[in-house]
Amino acid sequence: MSFKKIFNHFFILMALTTNISFLIYPHPIEIVITVFANLTATILKVGESRVLSTELLATSLVADLHLIPAIFVFFLGNVDEAISLAYGALAANIVSVILFVIETIIDTFTEE
């Protein structure tokens, strides 16, 4: 069991779930936690050398490039625009989770 994998997968899922929670309840604390979780997931993906690492990093960067402007727009008072940007990040986070499930399946078959 690799603790790096655990932290990596934890923050990928945390990025997705906090993104969903912000969309359900658009509150300043929610968007701050969402941006923190996404940036942490991105940092953990840098330097990985697995099968789908490039794609996972790209999805994380896309989510970050939606959420970073969203936090500024949110605190400037345009909540609807922040929510629409968060939907884009949600799409990227869903793709990221799908990719890491695929990568886990690939790793399982190559280990046997």
PDB file of N, CA and C in Angstrom:
ATOM      1  N   MET A   1       0.848  -1.169   0.000  1.00  0.00           N
ATOM      2  CA  MET A   1       0.000   0.000   0.000  1.00  0.00           C
ATOM      3  C   MET A   1       0.899   1.239   0.000  1.00  0.00           C
ATOM      4  N   SER A   2       0.698   2.090  -0.964  1.00  0.00           N
ATOM      5  CA  SER A   2       1.500   3.296  -1.107  1.00  0.00           C
ATOM      6  C   SER A   2       0.743   4.496  -0.535  1.00  0.00           C
ATOM      7  N   PHE A   3       1.375   5.161   0.452  1.00  0.00           N
ATOM      8  CA  PHE A   3       0.725   6.315   1.048  1.00  0.00           C
ATOM      9  C   PHE A   3       0.625   7.480   0.076  1.00  0.00           C
ATOM     10  N   LYS A   4       1.566   7.560  -0.863  1.00  0.00           N
ATOM     11  CA  LYS A   4       1.483   8.613  -1.881  1.00  0.00           C
ATOM     12  C   LYS A   4       0.250   8.408  -2.758  1.00  0.00           C
ATOM     13  N   LYS A   5      -0.020   7.157  -3.129  1.00  0.00           N
ATOM     14  CA  LYS A   5      -1.230   6.860  -3.905  1.00  0.00           C
ATOM     15  C   LYS A   5      -2.488   7.187  -3.115  1.00  0.00           C
ATOM     16  N   ILE A   6      -2.468   6.869  -1.835  1.00  0.00           N
ATOM     17  CA  ILE A   6      -3.630   7.144  -0.990  1.00  0.00           C
ATOM     18  C   ILE A   6      -3.903   8.642  -0.939  1.00  0.00           C
ATOM     19  N   PHE A   7      -2.857   9.439  -0.680  1.00  0.00           N
ATOM     20  CA  PHE A   7      -3.040  10.892  -0.633  1.00  0.00           C
ATOM     21  C   PHE A   7      -3.469  11.437  -1.984  1.00  0.00           C
ATOM     22  N   ASN A   8      -2.887  10.917  -3.047  1.00  0.00           N
ATOM     23  CA  ASN A   8      -3.232  11.368  -4.395  1.00  0.00           C
ATOM     24  C   ASN A   8      -4.700  11.087  -4.691  1.00  0.00           C
ATOM     25  N   HIS A   9      -5.136   9.879  -4.465  1.00  0.00           N
ATOM     26  CA  HIS A   9      -6.529   9.517  -4.723  1.00  0.00           C
ATOM     27  C   HIS A   9      -7.478  10.239  -3.774  1.00  0.00           C
ATOM     28  N   PHE A  10      -7.056  10.427  -2.539  1.00  0.00           N
ATOM     29  CA  PHE A  10      -7.879  11.160  -1.579  1.00  0.00           C
ATOM     30  C   PHE A  10      -8.155  12.572  -2.079  1.00  0.00           C
ATOM     31  N   PHE A  11      -7.124  13.263  -2.522  1.00  0.00           N
ATOM     32  CA  PHE A  11      -7.328  14.642  -2.952  1.00  0.00           C
ATOM     33  C   PHE A  11      -8.041  14.740  -4.294  1.00  0.00           C
ATOM     34  N   ILE A  12      -7.913  13.735  -5.153  1.00  0.00           N
ATOM     35  CA  ILE A  12      -8.701  13.719  -6.385  1.00  0.00           C
ATOM     36  C   ILE A  12     -10.187  13.627  -6.039  1.00  0.00           C
ATOM     37  N   LEU A  13     -10.528  12.719  -5.135  1.00  0.00           N
ATOM     38  CA  LEU A  13     -11.928  12.595  -4.707  1.00  0.00           C
ATOM     39  C   LEU A  13     -12.386  13.801  -3.903  1.00  0.00           C
ATOM     40  N   MET A  14     -11.495  14.348  -3.087  1.00  0.00           N
ATOM     41  CA  MET A  14     -11.839  15.533  -2.298  1.00  0.00           C
ATOM     42  C   MET A  14     -12.116  16.719  -3.213  1.00  0.00           C
ATOM     43  N   ALA A  15     -11.347  16.848  -4.286  1.00  0.00           N
ATOM     44  CA  ALA A  15     -11.577  17.934  -5.237  1.00  0.00           C
ATOM     45  C   ALA A  15     -12.963  17.811  -5.864  1.00  0.00           C
ATOM     46  N   LEU A  16     -13.347  16.599  -6.208  1.00  0.00           N
ATOM     47  CA  LEU A  16     -14.669  16.376  -6.796  1.00  0.00           C
ATOM     48  C   LEU A  16     -15.781  16.660  -5.799  1.00  0.00           C
ATOM     49  N   THR A  17     -15.663  16.124  -4.609  1.00  0.00           N
ATOM     50  CA  THR A  17     -16.755  16.269  -3.645  1.00  0.00           C
ATOM     51  C   THR A  17     -16.899  17.702  -3.129  1.00  0.00           C
ATOM     52  N   THR A  18     -15.787  18.399  -2.937  1.00  0.00           N
ATOM     53  CA  THR A  18     -15.902  19.792  -2.499  1.00  0.00           C
ATOM     54  C   THR A  18     -16.451  20.677  -3.610  1.00  0.00           C
ATOM     55  N   ASN A  19     -16.137  20.323  -4.847  1.00  0.00           N
ATOM     56  CA  ASN A  19     -16.702  21.057  -5.982  1.00  0.00           C
ATOM     57  C   ASN A  19     -18.217  20.899  -5.997  1.00  0.00           C
ATOM     58  N   ILE A  20     -18.690  19.697  -5.795  1.00  0.00           N
ATOM     59  CA  ILE A  20     -20.135  19.443  -5.751  1.00  0.00           C
ATOM     60  C   ILE A  20     -20.760  20.183  -4.576  1.00  0.00           C
ATOM     61  N   SER A  21     -20.104  20.161  -3.419  1.00  0.00           N
ATOM     62  CA  SER A  21     -20.680  20.833  -2.251  1.00  0.00           C
ATOM     63  C   SER A  21     -20.767  22.343  -2.467  1.00  0.00           C
ATOM     64  N   PHE A  22     -19.801  22.932  -3.175  1.00  0.00           N
ATOM     65  CA  PHE A  22     -19.893  24.363  -3.477  1.00  0.00           C
ATOM     66  C   PHE A  22     -21.070  24.653  -4.400  1.00  0.00           C
ATOM     67  N   LEU A  23     -21.307  23.768  -5.360  1.00  0.00           N
ATOM     68  CA  LEU A  23     -22.421  23.981  -6.282  1.00  0.00           C
ATOM     69  C   LEU A  23     -23.767  23.856  -5.571  1.00  0.00           C
ATOM     70  N   ILE A  24     -23.837  22.997  -4.575  1.00  0.00           N
ATOM     71  CA  ILE A  24     -25.076  22.843  -3.814  1.00  0.00           C
ATOM     72  C   ILE A  24     -25.271  23.996  -2.845  1.00  0.00           C
ATOM     73  N   TYR A  25     -24.194  24.399  -2.188  1.00  0.00           N
ATOM     74  CA  TYR A  25     -24.271  25.453  -1.179  1.00  0.00           C
ATOM     75  C   TYR A  25     -23.160  26.466  -1.439  1.00  0.00           C
ATOM     76  N   PRO A  26     -23.388  27.439  -2.332  1.00  0.00           N
ATOM     77  CA  PRO A  26     -22.331  28.402  -2.675  1.00  0.00           C
ATOM     78  C   PRO A  26     -22.025  29.370  -1.525  1.00  0.00           C
ATOM     79  N   HIS A  27     -21.054  28.996  -0.745  1.00  0.00           N
ATOM     80  CA  HIS A  27     -20.647  29.755   0.432  1.00  0.00           C
ATOM     81  C   HIS A  27     -19.145  30.047   0.302  1.00  0.00           C
ATOM     82  N   PRO A  28     -18.670  31.165   0.845  1.00  0.00           N
ATOM     83  CA  PRO A  28     -17.246  31.496   0.710  1.00  0.00           C
ATOM     84  C   PRO A  28     -16.295  30.414   1.226  1.00  0.00           C
ATOM     85  N   ILE A  29     -16.639  29.778   2.331  1.00  0.00           N
ATOM     86  CA  ILE A  29     -15.766  28.725   2.868  1.00  0.00           C
ATOM     87  C   ILE A  29     -15.706  27.534   1.921  1.00  0.00           C
ATOM     88  N   GLU A  30     -16.831  27.211   1.297  1.00  0.00           N
ATOM     89  CA  GLU A  30     -16.880  26.083   0.359  1.00  0.00           C
ATOM     90  C   GLU A  30     -15.951  26.303  -0.829  1.00  0.00           C
ATOM     91  N   ILE A  31     -15.959  27.503  -1.395  1.00  0.00           N
ATOM     92  CA  ILE A  31     -15.110  27.735  -2.567  1.00  0.00           C
ATOM     93  C   ILE A  31     -13.631  27.763  -2.187  1.00  0.00           C
ATOM     94  N   VAL A  32     -13.320  28.252  -0.999  1.00  0.00           N
ATOM     95  CA  VAL A  32     -11.922  28.254  -0.553  1.00  0.00           C
ATOM     96  C   VAL A  32     -11.433  26.816  -0.373  1.00  0.00           C
ATOM     97  N   ILE A  33     -12.244  25.980   0.252  1.00  0.00           N
ATOM     98  CA  ILE A  33     -11.871  24.569   0.436  1.00  0.00           C
ATOM     99  C   ILE A  33     -11.756  23.868  -0.916  1.00  0.00           C
ATOM    100  N   THR A  34     -12.656  24.187  -1.831  1.00  0.00           N
ATOM    101  CA  THR A  34     -12.624  23.580  -3.160  1.00  0.00           C
ATOM    102  C   THR A  34     -11.343  23.941  -3.902  1.00  0.00           C
ATOM    103  N   VAL A  35     -10.978  25.204  -3.871  1.00  0.00           N
ATOM    104  CA  VAL A  35      -9.742  25.630  -4.549  1.00  0.00           C
ATOM    105  C   VAL A  35      -8.531  24.986  -3.888  1.00  0.00           C
ATOM    106  N   PHE A  36      -8.512  24.932  -2.566  1.00  0.00           N
ATOM    107  CA  PHE A  36      -7.400  24.294  -1.856  1.00  0.00           C
ATOM    108  C   PHE A  36      -7.277  22.814  -2.229  1.00  0.00           C
ATOM    109  N   ALA A  37      -8.388  22.102  -2.252  1.00  0.00           N
ATOM    110  CA  ALA A  37      -8.357  20.669  -2.586  1.00  0.00           C
ATOM    111  C   ALA A  37      -7.893  20.454  -4.022  1.00  0.00           C
ATOM    112  N   ASN A  38      -8.363  21.285  -4.956  1.00  0.00           N
ATOM    113  CA  ASN A  38      -7.952  21.140  -6.343  1.00  0.00           C
ATOM    114  C   ASN A  38      -6.478  21.465  -6.542  1.00  0.00           C
ATOM    115  N   LEU A  39      -5.995  22.528  -5.908  1.00  0.00           N
ATOM    116  CA  LEU A  39      -4.573  22.867  -6.041  1.00  0.00           C
ATOM    117  C   LEU A  39      -3.686  21.794  -5.417  1.00  0.00           C
ATOM    118  N   THR A  40      -4.119  21.226  -4.301  1.00  0.00           N
ATOM    119  CA  THR A  40      -3.359  20.143  -3.676  1.00  0.00           C
ATOM    120  C   THR A  40      -3.328  18.915  -4.576  1.00  0.00           C
ATOM    121  N   ALA A  41      -4.467  18.585  -5.189  1.00  0.00           N
ATOM    122  CA  ALA A  41      -4.501  17.450  -6.120  1.00  0.00           C
ATOM    123  C   ALA A  41      -3.568  17.691  -7.304  1.00  0.00           C
ATOM    124  N   THR A  42      -3.517  18.920  -7.788  1.00  0.00           N
ATOM    125  CA  THR A  42      -2.624  19.245  -8.905  1.00  0.00           C
ATOM    126  C   THR A  42      -1.167  19.077  -8.492  1.00  0.00           C
ATOM    127  N   ILE A  43      -0.808  19.588  -7.335  1.00  0.00           N
ATOM    128  CA  ILE A  43       0.576  19.486  -6.866  1.00  0.00           C
ATOM    129  C   ILE A  43       0.986  18.028  -6.702  1.00  0.00           C
ATOM    130  N   LEU A  44       0.083  17.193  -6.200  1.00  0.00           N
ATOM    131  CA  LEU A  44       0.398  15.777  -6.014  1.00  0.00           C
ATOM    132  C   LEU A  44       0.554  15.039  -7.343  1.00  0.00           C
ATOM    133  N   LYS A  45      -0.083  15.537  -8.403  1.00  0.00           N
ATOM    134  CA  LYS A  45       0.005  14.881  -9.703  1.00  0.00           C
ATOM    135  C   LYS A  45       1.271  15.247 -10.466  1.00  0.00           C
ATOM    136  N   VAL A  46       1.912  16.345 -10.099  1.00  0.00           N
ATOM    137  CA  VAL A  46       3.140  16.764 -10.780  1.00  0.00           C
ATOM    138  C   VAL A  46       4.256  15.764 -10.457  1.00  0.00           C
ATOM    139  N   GLY A  47       4.942  15.324 -11.475  1.00  0.00           N
ATOM    140  CA  GLY A  47       6.058  14.406 -11.293  1.00  0.00           C
ATOM    141  C   GLY A  47       5.686  12.936 -11.309  1.00  0.00           C
ATOM    142  N   GLU A  48       4.420  12.630 -11.437  1.00  0.00           N
ATOM    143  CA  GLU A  48       3.991  11.226 -11.521  1.00  0.00           C
ATOM    144  C   GLU A  48       4.456  10.650 -12.859  1.00  0.00           C
ATOM    145  N   SER A  49       4.778   9.385 -12.859  1.00  0.00           N
ATOM    146  CA  SER A  49       5.201   8.737 -14.110  1.00  0.00           C
ATOM    147  C   SER A  49       4.443   7.432 -14.287  1.00  0.00           C
ATOM    148  N   ARG A  50       3.125   7.570 -14.310  1.00  0.00           N
ATOM    149  CA  ARG A  50       2.282   6.404 -14.519  1.00  0.00           C
ATOM    150  C   ARG A  50       1.652   6.494 -15.895  1.00  0.00           C
ATOM    151  N   VAL A  51       0.786   5.556 -16.222  1.00  0.00           N
ATOM    152  CA  VAL A  51       0.236   5.443 -17.573  1.00  0.00           C
ATOM    153  C   VAL A  51      -0.552   6.689 -17.987  1.00  0.00           C
ATOM    154  N   LEU A  52      -1.462   7.143 -17.170  1.00  0.00           N
ATOM    155  CA  LEU A  52      -2.335   8.272 -17.525  1.00  0.00           C
ATOM    156  C   LEU A  52      -1.988   9.544 -16.749  1.00  0.00           C
ATOM    157  N   SER A  53      -0.745   9.674 -16.309  1.00  0.00           N
ATOM    158  CA  SER A  53      -0.351  10.825 -15.493  1.00  0.00           C
ATOM    159  C   SER A  53      -0.527  12.143 -16.225  1.00  0.00           C
ATOM    160  N   THR A  54      -0.199  12.182 -17.486  1.00  0.00           N
ATOM    161  CA  THR A  54      -0.324  13.419 -18.261  1.00  0.00           C
ATOM    162  C   THR A  54      -1.774  13.859 -18.343  1.00  0.00           C
ATOM    163  N   GLU A  55      -2.658  12.920 -18.609  1.00  0.00           N
ATOM    164  CA  GLU A  55      -4.076  13.243 -18.717  1.00  0.00           C
ATOM    165  C   GLU A  55      -4.648  13.674 -17.365  1.00  0.00           C
ATOM    166  N   LEU A  56      -4.224  13.007 -16.298  1.00  0.00           N
ATOM    167  CA  LEU A  56      -4.685  13.375 -14.962  1.00  0.00           C
ATOM    168  C   LEU A  56      -4.230  14.786 -14.590  1.00  0.00           C
ATOM    169  N   LEU A  57      -2.990  15.115 -14.918  1.00  0.00           N
ATOM    170  CA  LEU A  57      -2.494  16.460 -14.634  1.00  0.00           C
ATOM    171  C   LEU A  57      -3.237  17.498 -15.463  1.00  0.00           C
ATOM    172  N   ALA A  58      -3.522  17.172 -16.713  1.00  0.00           N
ATOM    173  CA  ALA A  58      -4.252  18.113 -17.574  1.00  0.00           C
ATOM    174  C   ALA A  58      -5.654  18.387 -17.041  1.00  0.00           C
ATOM    175  N   THR A  59      -6.353  17.356 -16.593  1.00  0.00           N
ATOM    176  CA  THR A  59      -7.698  17.578 -16.050  1.00  0.00           C
ATOM    177  C   THR A  59      -7.642  18.421 -14.781  1.00  0.00           C
ATOM    178  N   SER A  60      -6.622  18.203 -13.979  1.00  0.00           N
ATOM    179  CA  SER A  60      -6.481  18.975 -12.760  1.00  0.00           C
ATOM    180  C   SER A  60      -6.177  20.443 -13.068  1.00  0.00           C
ATOM    181  N   LEU A  61      -5.355  20.686 -14.057  1.00  0.00           N
ATOM    182  CA  LEU A  61      -5.050  22.063 -14.454  1.00  0.00           C
ATOM    183  C   LEU A  61      -6.288  22.768 -15.002  1.00  0.00           C
ATOM    184  N   VAL A  62      -7.094  22.037 -15.757  1.00  0.00           N
ATOM    185  CA  VAL A  62      -8.343  22.614 -16.270  1.00  0.00           C
ATOM    186  C   VAL A  62      -9.260  23.008 -15.118  1.00  0.00           C
ATOM    187  N   ALA A  63      -9.391  22.125 -14.133  1.00  0.00           N
ATOM    188  CA  ALA A  63     -10.225  22.440 -12.969  1.00  0.00           C
ATOM    189  C   ALA A  63      -9.683  23.666 -12.223  1.00  0.00           C
ATOM    190  N   ASP A  64      -8.364  23.729 -12.067  1.00  0.00           N
ATOM    191  CA  ASP A  64      -7.761  24.890 -11.395  1.00  0.00           C
ATOM    192  C   ASP A  64      -8.018  26.175 -12.172  1.00  0.00           C
ATOM    193  N   LEU A  65      -7.926  26.100 -13.487  1.00  0.00           N
ATOM    194  CA  LEU A  65      -8.123  27.298 -14.301  1.00  0.00           C
ATOM    195  C   LEU A  65      -9.589  27.714 -14.383  1.00  0.00           C
ATOM    196  N   HIS A  66     -10.480  26.889 -13.889  1.00  0.00           N
ATOM    197  CA  HIS A  66     -11.872  27.303 -13.716  1.00  0.00           C
ATOM    198  C   HIS A  66     -12.107  27.845 -12.300  1.00  0.00           C
ATOM    199  N   LEU A  67     -11.490  27.211 -11.317  1.00  0.00           N
ATOM    200  CA  LEU A  67     -11.786  27.569  -9.931  1.00  0.00           C
ATOM    201  C   LEU A  67     -11.042  28.808  -9.433  1.00  0.00           C
ATOM    202  N   ILE A  68      -9.843  29.036  -9.927  1.00  0.00           N
ATOM    203  CA  ILE A  68      -9.110  30.221  -9.479  1.00  0.00           C
ATOM    204  C   ILE A  68      -9.839  31.497  -9.891  1.00  0.00           C
ATOM    205  N   PRO A  69     -10.284  31.635 -11.158  1.00  0.00           N
ATOM    206  CA  PRO A  69     -11.100  32.815 -11.472  1.00  0.00           C
ATOM    207  C   PRO A  69     -12.432  32.814 -10.722  1.00  0.00           C
ATOM    208  N   ALA A  70     -12.983  31.626 -10.479  1.00  0.00           N
ATOM    209  CA  ALA A  70     -14.273  31.548  -9.783  1.00  0.00           C
ATOM    210  C   ALA A  70     -14.189  32.131  -8.381  1.00  0.00           C
ATOM    211  N   ILE A  71     -13.080  31.910  -7.694  1.00  0.00           N
ATOM    212  CA  ILE A  71     -12.972  32.440  -6.335  1.00  0.00           C
ATOM    213  C   ILE A  71     -12.910  33.965  -6.358  1.00  0.00           C
ATOM    214  N   PHE A  72     -12.203  34.517  -7.348  1.00  0.00           N
ATOM    215  CA  PHE A  72     -12.145  35.979  -7.452  1.00  0.00           C
ATOM    216  C   PHE A  72     -13.508  36.556  -7.826  1.00  0.00           C
ATOM    217  N   VAL A  73     -14.161  35.928  -8.783  1.00  0.00           N
ATOM    218  CA  VAL A  73     -15.479  36.400  -9.219  1.00  0.00           C
ATOM    219  C   VAL A  73     -16.488  36.299  -8.066  1.00  0.00           C
ATOM    220  N   PHE A  74     -16.387  35.210  -7.301  1.00  0.00           N
ATOM    221  CA  PHE A  74     -17.301  35.015  -6.168  1.00  0.00           C
ATOM    222  C   PHE A  74     -17.150  36.137  -5.151  1.00  0.00           C
ATOM    223  N   PHE A  75     -15.902  36.454  -4.807  1.00  0.00           N
ATOM    224  CA  PHE A  75     -15.688  37.488  -3.794  1.00  0.00           C
ATOM    225  C   PHE A  75     -15.915  38.898  -4.327  1.00  0.00           C
ATOM    226  N   LEU A  76     -15.993  39.039  -5.649  1.00  0.00           N
ATOM    227  CA  LEU A  76     -16.383  40.324  -6.231  1.00  0.00           C
ATOM    228  C   LEU A  76     -17.895  40.477  -6.287  1.00  0.00           C
ATOM    229  N   GLY A  77     -18.613  39.401  -5.940  1.00  0.00           N
ATOM    230  CA  GLY A  77     -20.060  39.493  -5.818  1.00  0.00           C
ATOM    231  C   GLY A  77     -20.875  38.830  -6.907  1.00  0.00           C
ATOM    232  N   ASN A  78     -20.225  38.251  -7.908  1.00  0.00           N
ATOM    233  CA  ASN A  78     -20.958  37.607  -8.993  1.00  0.00           C
ATOM    234  C   ASN A  78     -21.013  36.093  -8.744  1.00  0.00           C
ATOM    235  N   VAL A  79     -21.944  35.693  -7.895  1.00  0.00           N
ATOM    236  CA  VAL A  79     -22.051  34.295  -7.482  1.00  0.00           C
ATOM    237  C   VAL A  79     -22.451  33.401  -8.659  1.00  0.00           C
ATOM    238  N   ASP A  80     -23.339  33.878  -9.521  1.00  0.00           N
ATOM    239  CA  ASP A  80     -23.782  33.064 -10.659  1.00  0.00           C
ATOM    240  C   ASP A  80     -22.632  32.730 -11.604  1.00  0.00           C
ATOM    241  N   GLU A  81     -21.755  33.688 -11.850  1.00  0.00           N
ATOM    242  CA  GLU A  81     -20.591  33.432 -12.710  1.00  0.00           C
ATOM    243  C   GLU A  81     -19.634  32.445 -12.044  1.00  0.00           C
ATOM    244  N   ALA A  82     -19.460  32.559 -10.745  1.00  0.00           N
ATOM    245  CA  ALA A  82     -18.596  31.625 -10.019  1.00  0.00           C
ATOM    246  C   ALA A  82     -19.153  30.208 -10.087  1.00  0.00           C
ATOM    247  N   ILE A  83     -20.463  30.092  -9.974  1.00  0.00           N
ATOM    248  CA  ILE A  83     -21.093  28.775 -10.052  1.00  0.00           C
ATOM    249  C   ILE A  83     -20.928  28.191 -11.451  1.00  0.00           C
ATOM    250  N   SER A  84     -21.069  29.009 -12.475  1.00  0.00           N
ATOM    251  CA  SER A  84     -20.909  28.488 -13.838  1.00  0.00           C
ATOM    252  C   SER A  84     -19.469  28.041 -14.083  1.00  0.00           C
ATOM    253  N   LEU A  85     -18.495  28.755 -13.544  1.00  0.00           N
ATOM    254  CA  LEU A  85     -17.102  28.313 -13.657  1.00  0.00           C
ATOM    255  C   LEU A  85     -16.883  27.017 -12.872  1.00  0.00           C
ATOM    256  N   ALA A  86     -17.544  26.893 -11.736  1.00  0.00           N
ATOM    257  CA  ALA A  86     -17.405  25.677 -10.932  1.00  0.00           C
ATOM    258  C   ALA A  86     -17.993  24.461 -11.650  1.00  0.00           C
ATOM    259  N   TYR A  87     -19.007  24.674 -12.485  1.00  0.00           N
ATOM    260  CA  TYR A  87     -19.529  23.559 -13.285  1.00  0.00           C
ATOM    261  C   TYR A  87     -18.477  23.057 -14.277  1.00  0.00           C
ATOM    262  N   GLY A  88     -17.714  23.967 -14.852  1.00  0.00           N
ATOM    263  CA  GLY A  88     -16.616  23.549 -15.734  1.00  0.00           C
ATOM    264  C   GLY A  88     -15.581  22.741 -14.981  1.00  0.00           C
ATOM    265  N   ALA A  89     -15.256  23.185 -13.768  1.00  0.00           N
ATOM    266  CA  ALA A  89     -14.312  22.434 -12.937  1.00  0.00           C
ATOM    267  C   ALA A  89     -14.877  21.078 -12.558  1.00  0.00           C
ATOM    268  N   LEU A  90     -16.186  21.019 -12.328  1.00  0.00           N
ATOM    269  CA  LEU A  90     -16.827  19.745 -12.001  1.00  0.00           C
ATOM    270  C   LEU A  90     -16.662  18.741 -13.145  1.00  0.00           C
ATOM    271  N   ALA A  91     -16.850  19.213 -14.373  1.00  0.00           N
ATOM    272  CA  ALA A  91     -16.676  18.321 -15.531  1.00  0.00           C
ATOM    273  C   ALA A  91     -15.243  17.788 -15.573  1.00  0.00           C
ATOM    274  N   ALA A  92     -14.267  18.657 -15.348  1.00  0.00           N
ATOM    275  CA  ALA A  92     -12.871  18.220 -15.356  1.00  0.00           C
ATOM    276  C   ALA A  92     -12.589  17.249 -14.210  1.00  0.00           C
ATOM    277  N   ASN A  93     -13.179  17.492 -13.048  1.00  0.00           N
ATOM    278  CA  ASN A  93     -12.964  16.594 -11.909  1.00  0.00           C
ATOM    279  C   ASN A  93     -13.612  15.231 -12.133  1.00  0.00           C
ATOM    280  N   ILE A  94     -14.746  15.205 -12.796  1.00  0.00           N
ATOM    281  CA  ILE A  94     -15.380  13.915 -13.113  1.00  0.00           C
ATOM    282  C   ILE A  94     -14.504  13.117 -14.065  1.00  0.00           C
ATOM    283  N   VAL A  95     -13.963  13.786 -15.082  1.00  0.00           N
ATOM    284  CA  VAL A  95     -13.051  13.111 -16.017  1.00  0.00           C
ATOM    285  C   VAL A  95     -11.818  12.614 -15.270  1.00  0.00           C
ATOM    286  N   SER A  96     -11.320  13.395 -14.333  1.00  0.00           N
ATOM    287  CA  SER A  96     -10.154  13.006 -13.547  1.00  0.00           C
ATOM    288  C   SER A  96     -10.422  11.744 -12.733  1.00  0.00           C
ATOM    289  N   VAL A  97     -11.581  11.663 -12.109  1.00  0.00           N
ATOM    290  CA  VAL A  97     -11.927  10.467 -11.329  1.00  0.00           C
ATOM    291  C   VAL A  97     -12.066   9.254 -12.249  1.00  0.00           C
ATOM    292  N   ILE A  98     -12.681   9.438 -13.392  1.00  0.00           N
ATOM    293  CA  ILE A  98     -12.813   8.333 -14.360  1.00  0.00           C
ATOM    294  C   ILE A  98     -11.432   7.848 -14.796  1.00  0.00           C
ATOM    295  N   LEU A  99     -10.528   8.792 -15.068  1.00  0.00           N
ATOM    296  CA  LEU A  99      -9.176   8.411 -15.489  1.00  0.00           C
ATOM    297  C   LEU A  99      -8.418   7.678 -14.389  1.00  0.00           C
ATOM    298  N   PHE A 100      -8.571   8.117 -13.144  1.00  0.00           N
ATOM    299  CA  PHE A 100      -7.823   7.410 -12.108  1.00  0.00           C
ATOM    300  C   PHE A 100      -8.424   6.039 -11.820  1.00  0.00           C
ATOM    301  N   VAL A 101      -9.705   5.843 -12.061  1.00  0.00           N
ATOM    302  CA  VAL A 101     -10.295   4.503 -11.953  1.00  0.00           C
ATOM    303  C   VAL A 101      -9.739   3.609 -13.065  1.00  0.00           C
ATOM    304  N   ILE A 102      -9.665   4.148 -14.275  1.00  0.00           N
ATOM    305  CA  ILE A 102      -9.090   3.391 -15.401  1.00  0.00           C
ATOM    306  C   ILE A 102      -7.639   3.040 -15.104  1.00  0.00           C
ATOM    307  N   GLU A 103      -6.887   4.007 -14.588  1.00  0.00           N
ATOM    308  CA  GLU A 103      -5.481   3.749 -14.269  1.00  0.00           C
ATOM    309  C   GLU A 103      -5.335   2.688 -13.178  1.00  0.00           C
ATOM    310  N   THR A 104      -6.214   2.699 -12.207  1.00  0.00           N
ATOM    311  CA  THR A 104      -6.191   1.685 -11.153  1.00  0.00           C
ATOM    312  C   THR A 104      -6.472   0.302 -11.723  1.00  0.00           C
ATOM    313  N   ILE A 105      -7.408   0.222 -12.651  1.00  0.00           N
ATOM    314  CA  ILE A 105      -7.702  -1.054 -13.306  1.00  0.00           C
ATOM    315  C   ILE A 105      -6.508  -1.538 -14.120  1.00  0.00           C
ATOM    316  N   ILE A 106      -5.882  -0.626 -14.844  1.00  0.00           N
ATOM    317  CA  ILE A 106      -4.679  -0.991 -15.621  1.00  0.00           C
ATOM    318  C   ILE A 106      -3.582  -1.486 -14.695  1.00  0.00           C
ATOM    319  N   ASP A 107      -3.358  -0.779 -13.582  1.00  0.00           N
ATOM    320  CA  ASP A 107      -2.328  -1.202 -12.618  1.00  0.00           C
ATOM    321  C   ASP A 107      -2.641  -2.568 -12.026  1.00  0.00           C
ATOM    322  N   THR A 108      -3.912  -2.838 -11.780  1.00  0.00           N
ATOM    323  CA  THR A 108      -4.300  -4.133 -11.216  1.00  0.00           C
ATOM    324  C   THR A 108      -3.970  -5.266 -12.179  1.00  0.00           C
ATOM    325  N   PHE A 109      -4.234  -5.056 -13.465  1.00  0.00           N
ATOM    326  CA  PHE A 109      -3.956  -6.115 -14.446  1.00  0.00           C
ATOM    327  C   PHE A 109      -2.472  -6.277 -14.719  1.00  0.00           C
ATOM    328  N   THR A 110      -1.687  -5.204 -14.621  1.00  0.00           N
ATOM    329  CA  THR A 110      -0.250  -5.327 -14.865  1.00  0.00           C
ATOM    330  C   THR A 110       0.487  -5.918 -13.677  1.00  0.00           C
ATOM    331  N   GLU A 111      -0.082  -5.822 -12.475  1.00  0.00           N
ATOM    332  CA  GLU A 111       0.558  -6.398 -11.290  1.00  0.00           C
ATOM    333  C   GLU A 111       0.393  -7.911 -11.229  1.00  0.00           C
ATOM    334  N   GLU A 112      -0.640  -8.444 -11.849  1.00  0.00           N
ATOM    335  CA  GLU A 112      -0.908  -9.888 -11.760  1.00  0.00           C
ATOM    336  C   GLU A 112      -0.001 -10.684 -12.632  1.00  0.00           C
TER     337      GLU A 112
END
